[in-house]
N, C-alpha and C. Protein backbone atom coordinates (compact mmCIF):
# COMPACT_ATOMS: atom_id res chain seq x y z
N MET A 1 107.74 96.42 84.77
CA MET A 1 107.23 97.67 85.29
C MET A 1 107.68 98.81 84.38
N LYS A 2 106.75 99.62 83.96
CA LYS A 2 107.02 100.77 83.10
C LYS A 2 107.02 102.03 83.96
N THR A 3 108.07 102.84 83.81
CA THR A 3 108.16 104.07 84.60
C THR A 3 107.98 105.28 83.69
N LEU A 4 107.82 106.43 84.29
CA LEU A 4 107.65 107.68 83.55
C LEU A 4 108.87 107.97 82.68
N ARG A 5 110.02 107.52 83.09
CA ARG A 5 111.24 107.73 82.30
C ARG A 5 111.18 107.00 80.96
N ASP A 6 110.44 105.90 80.88
CA ASP A 6 110.36 105.08 79.67
C ASP A 6 109.35 105.59 78.64
N VAL A 7 108.53 106.56 79.00
CA VAL A 7 107.45 107.04 78.13
C VAL A 7 108.01 107.93 77.02
N SER A 8 107.50 107.72 75.80
CA SER A 8 107.93 108.50 74.64
C SER A 8 107.30 109.90 74.65
N ILE A 9 107.93 110.83 73.96
CA ILE A 9 107.41 112.19 73.83
C ILE A 9 106.06 112.15 73.12
N GLY A 10 105.10 112.92 73.61
CA GLY A 10 103.79 113.00 72.99
C GLY A 10 102.79 111.98 73.51
N LYS A 11 103.17 111.14 74.44
CA LYS A 11 102.28 110.11 75.00
C LYS A 11 101.68 110.59 76.31
N THR A 12 100.47 110.11 76.58
CA THR A 12 99.81 110.37 77.85
C THR A 12 99.69 109.05 78.59
N VAL A 13 100.04 109.06 79.87
CA VAL A 13 99.99 107.85 80.69
C VAL A 13 99.28 108.16 82.01
N ARG A 14 98.88 107.10 82.70
CA ARG A 14 98.22 107.24 84.00
C ARG A 14 99.14 106.64 85.07
N VAL A 15 99.25 107.33 86.20
CA VAL A 15 100.11 106.89 87.29
C VAL A 15 99.46 105.72 88.03
N ILE A 16 100.24 104.65 88.21
CA ILE A 16 99.78 103.49 88.97
C ILE A 16 100.23 103.62 90.42
N LYS A 17 101.53 103.97 90.60
CA LYS A 17 102.08 104.03 91.95
C LYS A 17 103.32 104.92 91.96
N VAL A 18 103.52 105.61 93.08
CA VAL A 18 104.74 106.39 93.29
C VAL A 18 105.60 105.60 94.28
N HIS A 19 106.77 105.16 93.83
CA HIS A 19 107.67 104.39 94.67
C HIS A 19 108.56 105.32 95.48
N GLY A 20 109.38 104.75 96.34
CA GLY A 20 110.30 105.55 97.14
C GLY A 20 109.81 105.66 98.58
N GLU A 21 110.60 106.36 99.37
CA GLU A 21 110.27 106.49 100.79
C GLU A 21 110.48 107.92 101.29
N GLY A 22 109.81 108.23 102.33
CA GLY A 22 110.03 109.47 103.06
C GLY A 22 109.88 110.75 102.28
N ALA A 23 110.83 111.66 102.48
CA ALA A 23 110.76 113.01 101.93
C ALA A 23 110.79 113.01 100.41
N LEU A 24 111.52 112.09 99.80
CA LEU A 24 111.60 112.04 98.34
C LEU A 24 110.24 111.69 97.73
N ARG A 25 109.57 110.69 98.28
CA ARG A 25 108.24 110.31 97.80
C ARG A 25 107.24 111.44 98.04
N ARG A 26 107.32 112.07 99.19
CA ARG A 26 106.41 113.17 99.54
C ARG A 26 106.60 114.34 98.58
N ARG A 27 107.85 114.63 98.20
CA ARG A 27 108.13 115.74 97.28
C ARG A 27 107.48 115.50 95.93
N ILE A 28 107.57 114.28 95.42
CA ILE A 28 106.95 113.95 94.13
C ILE A 28 105.43 114.07 94.23
N MET A 29 104.86 113.59 95.31
CA MET A 29 103.42 113.67 95.49
C MET A 29 102.96 115.11 95.67
N ASP A 30 103.76 115.94 96.30
CA ASP A 30 103.43 117.36 96.48
C ASP A 30 103.41 118.11 95.15
N MET A 31 104.10 117.59 94.15
CA MET A 31 104.10 118.20 92.81
C MET A 31 102.82 117.85 92.05
N GLY A 32 101.97 117.02 92.64
CA GLY A 32 100.71 116.67 91.99
C GLY A 32 100.73 115.30 91.32
N ILE A 33 101.84 114.59 91.44
CA ILE A 33 101.94 113.27 90.83
C ILE A 33 101.47 112.24 91.86
N THR A 34 100.20 111.87 91.75
CA THR A 34 99.60 110.89 92.66
C THR A 34 98.93 109.80 91.84
N ARG A 35 98.54 108.72 92.51
CA ARG A 35 97.93 107.59 91.82
C ARG A 35 96.67 108.01 91.07
N GLY A 36 96.58 107.58 89.81
CA GLY A 36 95.40 107.84 89.00
C GLY A 36 95.47 109.09 88.13
N VAL A 37 96.42 109.98 88.37
CA VAL A 37 96.51 111.23 87.60
C VAL A 37 97.13 110.94 86.22
N GLU A 38 96.68 111.68 85.21
CA GLU A 38 97.24 111.53 83.86
C GLU A 38 98.40 112.49 83.67
N ILE A 39 99.45 111.99 83.00
CA ILE A 39 100.64 112.79 82.74
C ILE A 39 100.93 112.74 81.25
N TYR A 40 101.12 113.92 80.65
CA TYR A 40 101.47 114.03 79.23
C TYR A 40 102.95 114.42 79.14
N VAL A 41 103.73 113.64 78.40
CA VAL A 41 105.16 113.92 78.25
C VAL A 41 105.33 114.91 77.10
N ARG A 42 105.74 116.14 77.42
CA ARG A 42 105.88 117.20 76.41
C ARG A 42 107.19 117.11 75.66
N LYS A 43 108.30 117.06 76.39
CA LYS A 43 109.60 116.99 75.73
C LYS A 43 110.66 116.49 76.69
N VAL A 44 111.79 116.13 76.11
CA VAL A 44 112.93 115.65 76.88
C VAL A 44 114.13 116.48 76.46
N ALA A 45 114.92 116.89 77.40
CA ALA A 45 116.12 117.69 77.11
C ALA A 45 117.07 116.89 76.21
N PRO A 46 117.91 117.58 75.44
CA PRO A 46 118.82 116.90 74.51
C PRO A 46 119.66 115.78 75.12
N LEU A 47 120.10 115.95 76.33
CA LEU A 47 120.88 114.90 76.98
C LEU A 47 120.02 113.96 77.81
N GLY A 48 118.69 114.12 77.72
CA GLY A 48 117.77 113.22 78.39
C GLY A 48 117.36 113.62 79.79
N ASP A 49 117.92 114.69 80.31
CA ASP A 49 117.58 115.09 81.66
C ASP A 49 117.47 116.61 81.73
N PRO A 50 116.41 117.23 82.10
CA PRO A 50 115.19 116.67 82.67
C PRO A 50 114.13 116.33 81.62
N ILE A 51 113.01 115.81 82.12
CA ILE A 51 111.85 115.47 81.30
C ILE A 51 110.76 116.50 81.63
N GLU A 52 110.15 117.09 80.61
CA GLU A 52 109.09 118.08 80.85
C GLU A 52 107.75 117.41 80.62
N VAL A 53 106.87 117.52 81.61
CA VAL A 53 105.55 116.88 81.54
C VAL A 53 104.45 117.88 81.88
N MET A 54 103.22 117.54 81.52
CA MET A 54 102.03 118.30 81.92
C MET A 54 101.27 117.46 82.93
N VAL A 55 101.05 118.05 84.11
CA VAL A 55 100.33 117.36 85.19
C VAL A 55 99.29 118.33 85.74
N ARG A 56 98.05 117.90 85.76
CA ARG A 56 96.96 118.71 86.33
C ARG A 56 96.92 120.13 85.77
N GLY A 57 97.24 120.28 84.48
CA GLY A 57 97.14 121.58 83.82
C GLY A 57 98.36 122.48 83.95
N TYR A 58 99.44 122.00 84.53
CA TYR A 58 100.65 122.83 84.58
C TYR A 58 101.87 122.05 84.14
N GLU A 59 102.90 122.79 83.72
CA GLU A 59 104.13 122.17 83.23
C GLU A 59 105.06 121.90 84.41
N LEU A 60 105.74 120.77 84.33
CA LEU A 60 106.63 120.35 85.39
C LEU A 60 107.85 119.69 84.79
N SER A 61 109.01 120.00 85.29
CA SER A 61 110.25 119.35 84.85
C SER A 61 110.71 118.39 85.94
N LEU A 62 111.01 117.17 85.53
CA LEU A 62 111.44 116.14 86.47
C LEU A 62 112.80 115.60 86.08
N ARG A 63 113.64 115.32 87.06
CA ARG A 63 114.90 114.64 86.78
C ARG A 63 114.60 113.18 86.44
N LYS A 64 115.51 112.54 85.71
CA LYS A 64 115.32 111.13 85.36
C LYS A 64 115.20 110.26 86.60
N VAL A 65 115.96 110.58 87.62
CA VAL A 65 115.95 109.79 88.86
C VAL A 65 114.55 109.82 89.49
N ASP A 66 113.91 110.99 89.48
CA ASP A 66 112.57 111.11 90.03
C ASP A 66 111.54 110.43 89.14
N ALA A 67 111.72 110.55 87.82
CA ALA A 67 110.78 109.93 86.87
C ALA A 67 110.79 108.40 86.98
N GLU A 68 111.92 107.83 87.36
CA GLU A 68 112.01 106.38 87.53
C GLU A 68 111.19 105.88 88.71
N MET A 69 110.85 106.76 89.63
CA MET A 69 110.07 106.37 90.82
C MET A 69 108.58 106.34 90.55
N VAL A 70 108.15 106.82 89.37
CA VAL A 70 106.73 106.90 89.05
C VAL A 70 106.36 105.76 88.10
N GLU A 71 105.61 104.78 88.61
CA GLU A 71 105.16 103.65 87.80
C GLU A 71 103.89 104.07 87.05
N VAL A 72 103.87 103.81 85.72
CA VAL A 72 102.74 104.24 84.89
C VAL A 72 102.21 103.07 84.04
N GLU A 73 101.01 103.27 83.47
CA GLU A 73 100.45 102.28 82.55
C GLU A 73 100.12 102.93 81.24
């Protein structure tokens, strides 16, 4: 399983599934990360956390823990 955390800078991927339960899963989905949406990885902070991505035309920063919950292809 490949997650958003594993994606290299400059790559575009498509979301297969958002894992997790309850409020945490809902928070990720409320940010616009849902099944089928394309995500472009813009940059990663020097220490690897957070990850900056483009989703639905806007920039979003995600913690590594949250990025691991997003399965991509």
